[in-house]
Amino acid sequence: MFTIEHDFDATVITLVDEGSPHLEEDVTIQAFEECVTIEQYDPRRDEVVKIVLSMAQVNELAAALNLPEGIYRLAPRRKD
């Protein structure tokens, strides 16, 4: 299950892990104009862990999800 909310400066997506006996903590993804943050509570450390991705990293991640194993470099987009 997941939720999507549109805030003033970000789109917030929350992924809820439901189902099997081994459930992970919810993941919150916030998409801003200049970056994307991913947060998840870590019960072992009793704190929220945050990862910040640049928009270039997000584009590479999106491309990687649909490619086979290997090493890749995205070609820069051409401006017409």
C-alpha atoms as a PDB file:
ATOM      1  CA  MET A   1       0.000   0.000   0.000  1.00  0.00           C
ATOM      2  CA  PHE A   2       1.158   3.552  -0.576  1.00  0.00           C
ATOM      3  CA  THR A   3      -0.124   7.098  -0.233  1.00  0.00           C
ATOM      4  CA  ILE A   4       0.576  10.213  -2.299  1.00  0.00           C
ATOM      5  CA  GLU A   5       0.178  13.746  -0.969  1.00  0.00           C
ATOM      6  CA  HIS A   6       0.939  17.047  -2.675  1.00  0.00           C
ATOM      7  CA  ASP A   7       2.355  19.571  -0.219  1.00  0.00           C
ATOM      8  CA  PHE A   8       3.314  23.180  -0.944  1.00  0.00           C
ATOM      9  CA  ASP A   9       6.907  22.430  -1.949  1.00  0.00           C
ATOM     10  CA  ALA A  10       7.012  18.633  -2.371  1.00  0.00           C
ATOM     11  CA  THR A  11       5.161  15.533  -3.419  1.00  0.00           C
ATOM     12  CA  VAL A  12       5.218  13.030  -0.541  1.00  0.00           C
ATOM     13  CA  ILE A  13       4.904   9.290  -1.173  1.00  0.00           C
ATOM     14  CA  THR A  14       4.696   6.868   1.758  1.00  0.00           C
ATOM     15  CA  LEU A  15       5.259   3.152   1.124  1.00  0.00           C
ATOM     16  CA  VAL A  16       3.654   0.887   3.733  1.00  0.00           C
ATOM     17  CA  ASP A  17       5.079  -2.646   3.955  1.00  0.00           C
ATOM     18  CA  GLU A  18       2.122  -4.933   4.641  1.00  0.00           C
ATOM     19  CA  GLY A  19       1.792  -8.661   4.275  1.00  0.00           C
ATOM     20  CA  SER A  20       4.347 -11.259   5.262  1.00  0.00           C
ATOM     21  CA  PRO A  21       5.482 -11.726   8.881  1.00  0.00           C
ATOM     22  CA  HIS A  22       8.755  -9.813   8.293  1.00  0.00           C
ATOM     23  CA  LEU A  23       7.561  -6.236   7.843  1.00  0.00           C
ATOM     24  CA  GLU A  24       9.884  -3.283   7.354  1.00  0.00           C
ATOM     25  CA  GLU A  25       9.240   0.262   8.554  1.00  0.00           C
ATOM     26  CA  ASP A  26       7.334   2.680   6.294  1.00  0.00           C
ATOM     27  CA  VAL A  27       9.392   4.538   3.683  1.00  0.00           C
ATOM     28  CA  THR A  28       8.665   8.209   2.990  1.00  0.00           C
ATOM     29  CA  ILE A  29       9.804   9.733  -0.302  1.00  0.00           C
ATOM     30  CA  GLN A  30       9.672  13.498  -0.749  1.00  0.00           C
ATOM     31  CA  ALA A  31      10.156  14.876  -4.264  1.00  0.00           C
ATOM     32  CA  PHE A  32      11.290  18.497  -4.314  1.00  0.00           C
ATOM     33  CA  GLU A  33      12.241  20.578  -7.351  1.00  0.00           C
ATOM     34  CA  GLU A  34      15.999  20.127  -6.760  1.00  0.00           C
ATOM     35  CA  CYS A  35      16.244  16.719  -5.013  1.00  0.00           C
ATOM     36  CA  VAL A  36      14.431  13.679  -3.664  1.00  0.00           C
ATOM     37  CA  THR A  37      14.694  12.516  -0.052  1.00  0.00           C
ATOM     38  CA  ILE A  38      14.022   8.998   1.200  1.00  0.00           C
ATOM     39  CA  GLU A  39      13.394   8.439   4.920  1.00  0.00           C
ATOM     40  CA  GLN A  40      12.868   5.306   7.009  1.00  0.00           C
ATOM     41  CA  TYR A  41      12.766   4.790  10.752  1.00  0.00           C
ATOM     42  CA  ASP A  42      15.568   2.521  12.031  1.00  0.00           C
ATOM     43  CA  PRO A  43      14.384   0.828  15.251  1.00  0.00           C
ATOM     44  CA  ARG A  44      17.907  -0.393  16.085  1.00  0.00           C
ATOM     45  CA  ARG A  45      19.200   3.177  16.202  1.00  0.00           C
ATOM     46  CA  ASP A  46      15.843   4.696  17.266  1.00  0.00           C
ATOM     47  CA  GLU A  47      16.100   7.403  14.614  1.00  0.00           C
ATOM     48  CA  VAL A  48      14.957   8.258  11.115  1.00  0.00           C
ATOM     49  CA  VAL A  49      17.595   7.690   8.434  1.00  0.00           C
ATOM     50  CA  LYS A  50      17.507  10.089   5.475  1.00  0.00           C
ATOM     51  CA  ILE A  51      19.042   9.701   2.020  1.00  0.00           C
ATOM     52  CA  VAL A  52      19.176  12.676  -0.376  1.00  0.00           C
ATOM     53  CA  LEU A  53      19.328  12.019  -4.134  1.00  0.00           C
ATOM     54  CA  SER A  54      20.056  14.654  -6.769  1.00  0.00           C
ATOM     55  CA  MET A  55      17.709  14.745  -9.741  1.00  0.00           C
ATOM     56  CA  ALA A  56      20.503  13.192 -11.865  1.00  0.00           C
ATOM     57  CA  GLN A  57      20.680  10.269  -9.417  1.00  0.00           C
ATOM     58  CA  VAL A  58      16.886   9.875  -9.562  1.00  0.00           C
ATOM     59  CA  ASN A  59      17.014   9.747 -13.372  1.00  0.00           C
ATOM     60  CA  GLU A  60      19.768   7.119 -13.241  1.00  0.00           C
ATOM     61  CA  LEU A  61      17.815   5.084 -10.687  1.00  0.00           C
ATOM     62  CA  ALA A  62      14.708   5.172 -12.867  1.00  0.00           C
ATOM     63  CA  ALA A  63      16.726   3.994 -15.870  1.00  0.00           C
ATOM     64  CA  ALA A  64      18.454   1.276 -13.821  1.00  0.00           C
ATOM     65  CA  LEU A  65      15.157  -0.275 -12.769  1.00  0.00           C
ATOM     66  CA  ASN A  66      14.536  -1.342 -16.378  1.00  0.00           C
ATOM     67  CA  LEU A  67      18.024  -2.507 -17.397  1.00  0.00           C
ATOM     68  CA  PRO A  68      19.841  -5.840 -17.085  1.00  0.00           C
ATOM     69  CA  GLU A  69      22.979  -6.288 -15.004  1.00  0.00           C
ATOM     70  CA  GLY A  70      25.942  -4.159 -16.134  1.00  0.00           C
ATOM     71  CA  ILE A  71      27.634  -0.766 -15.956  1.00  0.00           C
ATOM     72  CA  TYR A  72      25.950   2.165 -17.677  1.00  0.00           C
ATOM     73  CA  ARG A  73      26.280   5.913 -18.167  1.00  0.00           C
ATOM     74  CA  LEU A  74      23.274   7.918 -19.299  1.00  0.00           C
ATOM     75  CA  ALA A  75      23.892  10.125 -22.305  1.00  0.00           C
ATOM     76  CA  PRO A  76      23.104  13.808 -21.679  1.00  0.00           C
ATOM     77  CA  ARG A  77      19.794  14.939 -23.099  1.00  0.00           C
ATOM     78  CA  ARG A  78      20.087  16.878 -26.313  1.00  0.00           C
ATOM     79  CA  LYS A  79      18.605  20.365 -26.357  1.00  0.00           C
ATOM     80  CA  ASP A  80      16.901  21.026 -29.675  1.00  0.00           C
END
